[in-house]
């Protein structure tokens, strides 16, 4: 998947062998971002998880194993950051001011530019 909005256990439970299922969440743009979240389901086997981690290394990603929860890890961490950016906008800050402040703080990209890149509608379709 390329969204943390899907419940990987829901996908796995309809299969004959759910132990062979895990999620792989690539961050956008996948050809640039190094992080790959490998998502453990309730029934993922050790072999499945090891294969997913090895695949991530093979394609030069920095892999982390995460549990199956809303937003996985990366998007759960960014949600408060994005929420505060939206509050600033509602209170009168411009998109440019918000992104400039984030960049000055050391972020690679401002939260508004990030939302444009991944698609604002992504945040409306959370599970």
Foldseek 3Di string as FASTA:
>chain_A
DQALQDQQQVVLVVDPQSLLTWDWHAYPPNVPAQEIEIEDEPRHDPVNSVVVVVVSVVVRHDYDYFYNDFCTPPRVVCVVVLVVLVVVVVVPDDPVRQQVVCVVVPDPTGSVVSCVRVPVVSVVSHD
